[in-house]
Protein backbone atom coordinates (compact mmCIF):
# COMPACT_ATOMS: atom_id res chain seq x y z
CA MET A 1 -5.98 16.72 11.90
CA GLY A 2 -4.18 13.65 13.20
CA TRP A 3 -1.86 11.41 11.29
CA ARG A 4 -3.42 8.57 9.31
CA PRO A 5 -0.99 5.86 8.17
CA ILE A 6 -1.13 5.12 4.47
CA VAL A 7 -1.51 1.38 3.90
CA VAL A 8 -1.83 0.20 0.36
CA GLY A 9 -2.20 -2.78 -1.84
CA VAL A 10 0.79 -1.94 -4.01
CA ALA A 11 4.44 -2.80 -4.39
CA ALA A 12 6.88 -0.56 -2.56
CA ALA A 13 8.13 0.95 -5.82
CA VAL A 14 4.85 2.06 -7.43
CA SER A 15 4.28 2.63 -11.12
CA LEU A 16 1.42 4.77 -12.40
CA SER A 17 -0.45 1.64 -13.46
CA ALA A 18 -0.16 -0.03 -10.06
CA ALA A 19 -2.93 -0.30 -7.51
CA GLY A 20 -3.72 2.80 -5.46
CA ALA A 21 -3.32 3.60 -1.82
CA ALA A 22 -5.65 4.01 1.11
CA LEU A 23 -5.79 5.79 4.45
CA SER A 24 -6.60 4.09 7.72
CA LEU A 25 -10.04 4.03 9.33
CA ARG A 26 -10.85 5.66 12.64
CA ILE A 27 -11.98 2.39 14.23
CA SER A 28 -10.51 0.93 17.40
CA ALA A 29 -9.03 -2.52 16.99
CA ALA A 30 -10.31 -5.63 18.72
CA PRO A 31 -7.94 -7.41 21.15
CA GLU A 32 -5.19 -9.34 19.38
CA ARG A 33 -5.36 -13.11 19.81
CA PRO A 34 -4.42 -16.19 17.76
CA LEU A 35 -6.84 -17.05 14.98
CA VAL A 36 -6.21 -20.80 14.71
CA THR A 37 -4.82 -23.10 17.38
CA ASN A 38 -5.06 -26.64 15.94
CA THR A 39 -2.68 -26.23 13.01
CA LEU A 40 0.28 -27.52 11.07
CA GLN A 41 3.18 -25.14 10.42
CA ARG A 42 4.61 -24.82 6.94
CA PRO A 43 7.32 -22.49 5.59
CA LEU A 44 5.98 -19.22 4.25
CA THR A 45 6.54 -18.76 0.53
CA GLN A 46 7.29 -15.49 -1.23
CA LEU A 47 5.48 -12.41 0.05
CA TYR A 48 4.14 -9.76 -2.26
CA THR A 49 3.67 -7.14 0.45
CA LEU A 50 3.72 -6.86 4.24
CA LYS A 51 2.38 -4.18 6.58
CA MET A 52 2.74 -4.30 10.36
CA MET A 53 0.23 -2.16 12.23
CA THR A 54 1.55 -2.76 15.77
CA LEU A 55 4.57 -4.54 17.22
CA ARG A 56 2.64 -7.81 16.95
CA ALA A 57 -0.28 -7.47 14.53
CA GLY A 58 0.02 -7.06 10.78
CA TRP A 59 -1.06 -8.14 7.31
CA ALA A 60 0.62 -9.62 4.25
CA VAL A 61 -0.20 -10.91 0.78
CA ASN A 62 1.33 -14.20 -0.32
CA GLY A 63 0.44 -15.68 -3.69
CA ASN A 64 -3.37 -15.74 -3.72
CA GLN A 65 -3.77 -15.38 0.04
CA LEU A 66 -4.34 -12.54 2.48
CA LEU A 67 -2.37 -13.30 5.66
CA HIS A 68 -2.56 -12.07 9.26
CA THR A 69 -0.15 -12.27 12.19
CA VAL A 70 -0.43 -11.46 15.90
CA ASP A 71 3.10 -12.38 17.00
CA GLY A 72 5.31 -9.93 15.09
CA GLY A 73 5.48 -11.90 11.85
CA ARG A 74 6.68 -15.27 13.09
CA CYS A 75 3.43 -17.16 12.47
CA TRP A 76 0.84 -16.30 9.84
CA VAL A 77 -2.64 -17.58 8.99
CA SER A 78 -4.62 -17.21 5.78
CA VAL A 79 -7.68 -15.00 6.26
CA THR A 80 -8.61 -14.61 2.59
CA PRO A 81 -12.33 -13.86 2.11
CA VAL A 82 -14.09 -16.79 0.45
CA GLY A 83 -15.40 -14.76 -2.46
CA LEU A 84 -12.24 -12.72 -3.12
CA PRO A 85 -9.21 -14.74 -4.25
CA ILE A 86 -6.11 -12.59 -4.77
CA ILE A 87 -4.36 -12.96 -8.11
CA VAL A 88 -0.64 -12.14 -8.18
CA ASP A 89 1.06 -12.17 -11.59
CA GLY A 90 4.81 -11.84 -11.04
CA SER A 91 5.15 -8.63 -9.03
CA THR A 92 1.69 -7.30 -9.93
CA VAL A 93 -1.63 -7.89 -8.20
CA ARG A 94 -4.40 -8.27 -10.74
CA ASN A 95 -7.64 -6.44 -10.07
CA THR A 96 -7.68 -6.85 -6.27
CA VAL A 97 -7.12 -3.91 -3.92
CA TRP A 98 -7.07 -3.65 -0.15
CA GLN A 99 -6.88 -1.23 2.73
CA PHE A 100 -5.17 -2.28 5.96
CA VAL A 101 -6.69 -0.14 8.69
CA ASN A 102 -5.18 -1.35 11.94
CA GLY A 103 -4.14 -4.67 13.40
CA GLN A 104 -7.67 -6.07 13.19
CA THR A 105 -9.54 -4.07 10.53
CA ALA A 106 -9.23 -4.31 6.74
CA TRP A 107 -11.15 -3.82 3.50
CA ILE A 108 -10.61 -5.77 0.29
CA ALA A 109 -12.31 -5.32 -3.09
CA GLY A 110 -12.16 -7.06 -6.44
CA ARG A 111 -14.08 -7.56 -9.67
CA ALA A 112 -16.92 -10.07 -9.29
CA GLY A 113 -16.60 -11.42 -12.85
CA PRO A 114 -17.97 -9.97 -16.10
CA GLY A 115 -20.39 -7.10 -15.77
CA ALA A 116 -20.57 -3.99 -13.62
CA THR A 117 -20.20 -5.67 -10.23
CA VAL A 118 -17.62 -5.50 -7.42
CA ARG A 119 -17.07 -7.93 -4.54
CA LEU A 120 -16.38 -6.03 -1.30
CA ALA A 121 -15.32 -7.58 2.03
CA TYR A 122 -14.74 -6.01 5.45
CA THR A 123 -13.36 -7.40 8.73
CA ARG A 124 -12.93 -5.95 12.22
CA ASP A 125 -11.52 -9.05 13.94
CA GLY A 126 -8.32 -9.83 12.05
CA GLY A 127 -10.04 -11.82 9.33
CA ARG A 128 -11.92 -14.29 11.53
CA HIS A 129 -15.17 -13.03 10.09
CA TRP A 130 -15.84 -11.03 6.92
CA LYS A 131 -18.87 -9.10 5.81
CA GLU A 132 -18.97 -9.76 2.06
CA GLN A 133 -21.28 -8.33 -0.58
CA THR A 134 -21.49 -8.22 -4.36
CA ILE A 135 -22.45 -4.74 -5.49
CA PRO A 136 -23.48 -3.31 -8.88
CA VAL A 137 -21.29 -0.33 -9.79
CA PRO A 138 -22.83 1.94 -12.46
CA GLY A 139 -20.48 2.57 -15.37
CA LEU A 140 -17.97 -0.15 -14.48
CA THR A 141 -16.96 -1.78 -17.76
CA ASN A 142 -15.27 -5.10 -18.53
CA GLY A 143 -12.13 -3.23 -19.59
CA THR A 144 -11.71 -1.48 -16.22
CA GLU A 145 -9.53 -2.86 -13.44
CA LEU A 146 -9.82 -1.75 -9.83
CA THR A 147 -6.73 0.16 -8.70
CA ALA A 148 -7.66 1.54 -5.24
CA VAL A 149 -10.09 1.27 -2.34
CA ASP A 150 -10.19 3.90 0.43
CA PHE A 151 -12.63 4.08 3.37
CA LEU A 152 -12.54 6.94 5.89
CA ASN A 153 -14.87 5.08 8.23
CA SER A 154 -17.37 2.23 8.09
CA HIS A 155 -19.71 4.24 5.83
CA GLU A 156 -17.79 6.66 3.57
CA GLY A 157 -15.47 5.23 0.93
CA TRP A 158 -14.17 5.37 -2.63
CA ILE A 159 -12.99 2.91 -5.25
CA MET A 160 -10.99 3.77 -8.34
CA GLY A 161 -10.70 1.90 -11.62
CA SER A 162 -8.40 2.32 -14.59
CA GLY A 163 -9.02 1.33 -18.18
CA LEU A 164 -6.59 -0.54 -20.37
CA GLY A 165 -4.28 1.08 -22.91
CA VAL A 166 -1.04 3.06 -23.09
CA ILE A 167 -2.48 5.98 -21.14
CA GLY A 168 -5.75 4.38 -20.05
CA SER A 169 -8.52 6.16 -18.18
CA THR A 170 -9.62 6.70 -14.59
CA THR A 171 -13.04 6.50 -12.92
CA ILE A 172 -13.86 7.13 -9.26
CA TRP A 173 -16.98 5.92 -7.42
CA THR A 174 -18.08 6.74 -3.87
CA THR A 175 -20.38 5.26 -1.22
CA THR A 176 -21.91 6.70 1.94
CA ASN A 177 -23.54 3.50 3.23
CA GLY A 178 -20.65 1.09 3.69
CA GLY A 179 -20.52 -0.05 0.08
CA GLN A 180 -24.15 -1.09 -0.34
CA THR A 181 -24.58 1.38 -3.21
CA TRP A 182 -22.07 3.34 -5.31
CA HIS A 183 -22.28 6.26 -7.70
CA GLN A 184 -19.72 7.68 -10.08
CA VAL A 185 -18.23 11.05 -9.11
CA TYR A 186 -15.36 11.48 -11.57
CA GLY A 187 -13.97 10.28 -14.86
CA THR A 188 -10.93 11.27 -16.91
CA PRO A 189 -9.23 9.81 -20.02
CA LEU A 190 -5.89 9.84 -18.14
CA ALA A 191 -4.50 6.91 -16.13
CA GLY A 192 -4.60 7.17 -12.35
CA GLY A 193 -2.20 5.62 -9.84
CA ASN A 194 -2.89 6.45 -6.18
CA LEU A 195 -6.09 7.54 -4.46
CA VAL A 196 -6.21 8.81 -0.87
CA PHE A 197 -8.70 10.88 1.15
CA GLN A 198 -8.06 12.86 4.35
CA THR A 199 -11.66 13.99 4.97
CA PRO A 200 -15.01 13.36 3.27
CA THR A 201 -14.24 16.27 0.93
CA MET A 202 -10.42 16.47 0.67
CA GLY A 203 -8.43 13.88 -1.24
CA TRP A 204 -5.49 13.25 -3.58
CA ILE A 205 -4.81 11.28 -6.75
CA THR A 206 -1.79 10.78 -8.98
CA ILE A 207 -2.40 11.02 -12.73
CA ALA A 208 -0.31 10.24 -15.80
CA THR A 209 -0.41 12.79 -18.60
CA PRO A 210 1.00 12.23 -22.11
CA GLY A 211 4.50 13.56 -22.78
CA ASN A 212 7.11 13.47 -25.51
CA ASP A 213 9.11 10.81 -23.63
CA GLY A 214 6.14 8.91 -22.20
CA PRO A 215 3.59 9.55 -19.45
CA GLN A 216 4.43 12.24 -16.91
CA PHE A 217 3.19 12.15 -13.33
CA LYS A 218 1.18 14.92 -11.71
CA LEU A 219 -0.53 15.29 -8.34
CA GLU A 220 -4.14 16.50 -8.10
CA THR A 221 -6.34 17.39 -5.13
CA THR A 222 -10.07 17.69 -4.52
CA THR A 223 -12.14 19.61 -1.98
CA THR A 224 -15.46 18.29 -3.30
CA GLY A 225 -15.28 14.62 -2.37
CA GLY A 226 -13.80 13.67 -5.75
CA ARG A 227 -16.20 15.49 -8.08
CA ALA A 228 -13.59 18.01 -9.28
CA TRP A 229 -9.78 17.86 -9.18
CA THR A 230 -7.08 20.54 -9.42
CA ALA A 231 -3.43 20.02 -10.31
CA VAL A 232 -0.91 20.87 -7.57
CA PRO A 233 2.40 22.49 -8.67
CA LEU A 234 5.47 20.34 -7.98
CA PRO A 235 9.18 21.26 -8.04
CA ASN A 236 10.91 20.88 -11.39
CA ILE A 237 13.49 18.23 -10.53
CA GLY A 238 13.32 16.11 -13.67
CA TRP A 239 11.12 13.30 -14.95
CA ILE A 240 9.54 11.74 -11.86
CA GLU A 241 6.93 9.18 -10.83
CA PRO A 242 5.40 8.63 -7.37
CA ALA A 243 6.84 5.94 -5.11
CA GLY A 244 3.69 6.15 -2.98
CA PRO A 245 0.85 8.50 -2.07
CA PRO A 246 1.28 11.65 0.06
CA THR A 247 1.19 11.18 3.84
CA PHE A 248 0.22 13.89 6.31
CA HIS A 249 0.52 14.80 9.98
CA GLY A 250 -1.63 17.89 10.31
CA ALA A 251 -0.49 20.37 7.66
CA ALA A 252 2.91 18.70 7.28
CA GLY A 253 3.26 16.06 4.58
CA LEU A 254 5.70 13.96 2.58
CA LEU A 255 5.61 12.65 -0.98
CA SER A 256 8.24 10.16 -2.12
CA VAL A 257 9.18 10.10 -5.80
CA TRP A 258 11.68 8.41 -8.06
CA GLY A 259 13.28 9.81 -11.18
CA THR A 260 13.51 7.93 -14.46
CA THR A 261 17.13 9.09 -14.72
CA GLY A 262 18.04 7.07 -11.62
CA PHE A 263 17.35 8.79 -8.29
CA VAL A 264 14.88 8.79 -5.41
CA THR A 265 13.93 11.75 -3.22
CA VAL A 266 11.22 13.20 -0.97
CA LEU A 267 9.03 16.27 -1.48
CA ARG A 268 7.74 18.14 1.60
CA THR A 269 4.80 20.40 2.37
CA SER A 270 3.93 22.48 5.43
CA ASP A 271 0.61 23.91 4.25
CA GLY A 272 -1.55 20.84 3.78
CA GLY A 273 -0.22 20.00 0.33
CA GLN A 274 -0.83 23.27 -1.51
CA ARG A 275 2.89 23.85 -2.01
CA TRP A 276 5.58 21.18 -2.23
CA VAL A 277 9.35 21.73 -1.98
CA TRP A 278 12.24 19.49 -2.90
CA SER A 279 14.30 18.00 -0.09
CA SER A 280 17.51 19.06 -1.91
CA ARG A 281 18.99 15.58 -1.64
CA LYS A 282 18.71 12.83 -4.24
CA LEU A 283 19.67 9.25 -3.52
CA PRO A 284 21.18 7.76 -6.69
CA PHE A 285 20.34 4.22 -7.79
CA PRO A 286 20.81 2.30 -11.05
CA THR A 287 17.61 2.28 -13.10
CA ASN A 288 17.63 -1.55 -13.11
CA SER A 289 18.09 -1.72 -9.33
CA ALA A 290 15.34 -2.55 -6.83
CA MET A 291 14.20 0.38 -4.68
CA PHE A 292 11.93 0.23 -1.62
CA TRP A 293 10.34 3.01 0.43
CA THR A 294 8.76 3.46 3.81
CA VAL A 295 7.58 7.01 4.58
CA ARG A 296 5.98 8.20 7.82
CA THR A 297 5.22 11.76 8.85
CA ARG A 298 4.90 10.88 12.54
CA GLY A 299 8.02 11.14 14.70
CA GLY A 300 9.98 13.72 12.73
CA ALA A 301 9.00 13.07 9.11
CA VAL A 302 10.87 9.77 8.87
CA ALA A 303 11.66 8.26 5.47
CA TRP A 304 13.49 5.04 4.60
CA ALA A 305 14.93 3.74 1.35
CA ILE A 306 16.95 0.80 0.11
CA THR A 307 18.99 1.62 -2.97
CA SER A 308 21.77 -0.51 -4.43
CA GLY A 309 21.99 -2.70 -1.34
CA ARG A 310 22.20 0.18 1.12
CA LEU A 311 19.64 1.17 3.76
CA TRP A 312 19.16 4.92 4.28
CA ARG A 313 17.12 6.85 6.84
CA SER A 314 16.02 10.48 6.98
CA THR A 315 14.43 12.03 10.07
CA ASN A 316 13.82 15.47 8.55
CA GLY A 317 11.70 14.77 5.50
CA GLY A 318 14.53 13.88 3.16
CA GLN A 319 16.70 16.95 3.69
CA THR A 320 19.54 14.74 4.90
CA TRP A 321 20.06 10.97 4.82
CA THR A 322 22.07 8.67 7.06
CA LEU A 323 23.47 5.33 5.93
CA ARG A 324 22.13 2.73 8.40
CA SER A 325 23.29 -0.59 7.01
CA THR A 326 25.11 -2.33 4.18
CA ALA A 327 24.18 -5.87 5.27
CA ALA A 328 24.52 -8.45 2.50
CA PHE A 329 20.84 -9.39 2.53
CA LEU A 330 19.87 -5.84 1.54
CA LYS A 331 21.01 -6.62 -2.01
CA THR A 332 18.27 -9.22 -2.40
CA ALA A 333 15.51 -7.54 -0.38
CA SER A 334 11.95 -7.79 -1.68
CA GLY A 335 10.35 -5.17 0.56
CA LEU A 336 10.67 -2.91 3.60
CA ASP A 337 8.28 -1.76 6.31
CA PHE A 338 9.00 0.40 9.37
CA LEU A 339 6.53 0.86 12.21
CA ASN A 340 8.46 3.70 13.86
CA PRO A 341 12.00 5.15 13.72
CA SER A 342 13.38 2.10 15.57
CA VAL A 343 11.29 -0.96 14.66
CA GLY A 344 11.06 -2.34 11.16
CA TRP A 345 10.78 -5.48 9.05
CA LEU A 346 12.47 -6.47 5.80
CA TRP A 347 11.66 -9.50 3.67
CA GLN A 348 13.49 -11.38 0.95
CA ARG A 349 12.97 -14.48 -1.15
CA THR A 350 15.35 -17.37 -0.55
CA LYS A 351 16.73 -19.66 -3.25
CA ASN A 352 14.13 -22.32 -2.45
CA GLY A 353 11.27 -19.83 -2.86
CA ARG A 354 10.60 -19.24 0.83
CA THR A 355 10.35 -15.94 2.67
CA GLN A 356 13.06 -14.79 5.07
CA LEU A 357 12.06 -11.98 7.44
CA TRP A 358 14.45 -9.65 9.23
CA LEU A 359 13.52 -7.58 12.28
CA THR A 360 15.29 -4.49 13.60
CA THR A 361 14.68 -2.63 16.85
CA SER A 362 17.70 -0.37 16.42
CA GLY A 363 16.61 1.72 13.46
CA GLY A 364 18.18 -0.60 10.91
CA GLN A 365 21.66 -0.94 12.36
CA ARG A 366 21.20 -4.50 13.70
CA TRP A 367 18.86 -7.16 12.33
CA THR A 368 17.51 -10.48 13.61
CA ALA A 369 16.50 -13.24 11.21
CA ILE A 370 12.95 -14.63 11.43
CA SER A 371 11.85 -17.75 9.57
CA PRO A 372 8.08 -17.21 9.25
CA THR A 373 5.62 -20.08 9.07
CA LEU A 374 2.13 -20.43 7.66
CA ASN A 375 -0.30 -22.10 10.08
CA VAL A 376 -2.53 -24.55 8.19
CA PRO A 377 -5.59 -26.07 9.93
CA MET A 378 -5.16 -29.79 10.58
CA ARG A 379 -7.50 -32.09 8.71
CA ARG A 380 -9.36 -34.78 10.53
CA PRO A 381 -8.39 -38.32 9.40
CA HIS A 382 -10.87 -40.03 7.09
CA ARG A 383 -12.68 -43.01 8.56
CA VAL A 384 -12.16 -46.28 6.76
């Protein structure tokens, strides 16, 4: 089974109540080309998340907009579906989830107002055109927020919702006709975090279970398309929560976690996720410090982390880490995304509320500043 990059609508440091993750579709991308030519350029304000799919094409979320670029992040255009505004409250996206597939393909889903309906949109041309539909979802209540969307292809997909409350609840629905109809396959009184499928039958979720000191994370897997789930044993390394969903390259996989006592580390598997082992190296960080992850199983099980203003890289699944940079801007970073072991992007918010991008082609040792702009279509002058 080939590697499928995990691309999610969540912050880099994920809590159990955050939106879930999604795997990429097996759909070839359309040729990359500019979306809008007659435009005004404005500074790009604070990004919530960014994901580059190639050296030039990628996606980002900025305020209530879904953005797309075809020039490596220098110029962006808003490609937000008309019927699906994105609501960002501080560092949390409210009730909108997405799946970035490749440089041109994406899914986005959100609640369509009161009642058991979901608004689903799909694009294969970088957001130039969207196929949008409002769909009734049996059993979806007003107190349930969408936390994940995951499509394996243009027909088979899943959405996950979580109820409100200290622990909450989790419900999973599936479709086999591109989202035209959905049916519920699973429900649990526990709160779910991430949802990801490798095949039409095999998938993974993270679940919070009650504990004496608060909710405790556990990983569960299904071989029935989400109808039944089984807990997967994890190493006993302390109180941990996921920093993202598991990623796989064949039978090899990685799972990044952070500890509530102030550390981050990577768990590894070599048997398709049935058994996970600890990397034997913890990266310490203050509990009130920002932490960002990028994990890829292609190219030697590469993992990246920023902790306490330092950029670290592992090329062996977290067994050892190398300090790559202590640049001053790392202390105020907002997010991190690496395309491969050499090329990556980092973004931060400036004092005037704008976004500053940094690009590396040397694996994080040297960085080039990019001042991104938002291309806004020019308005025709009004006739007097």
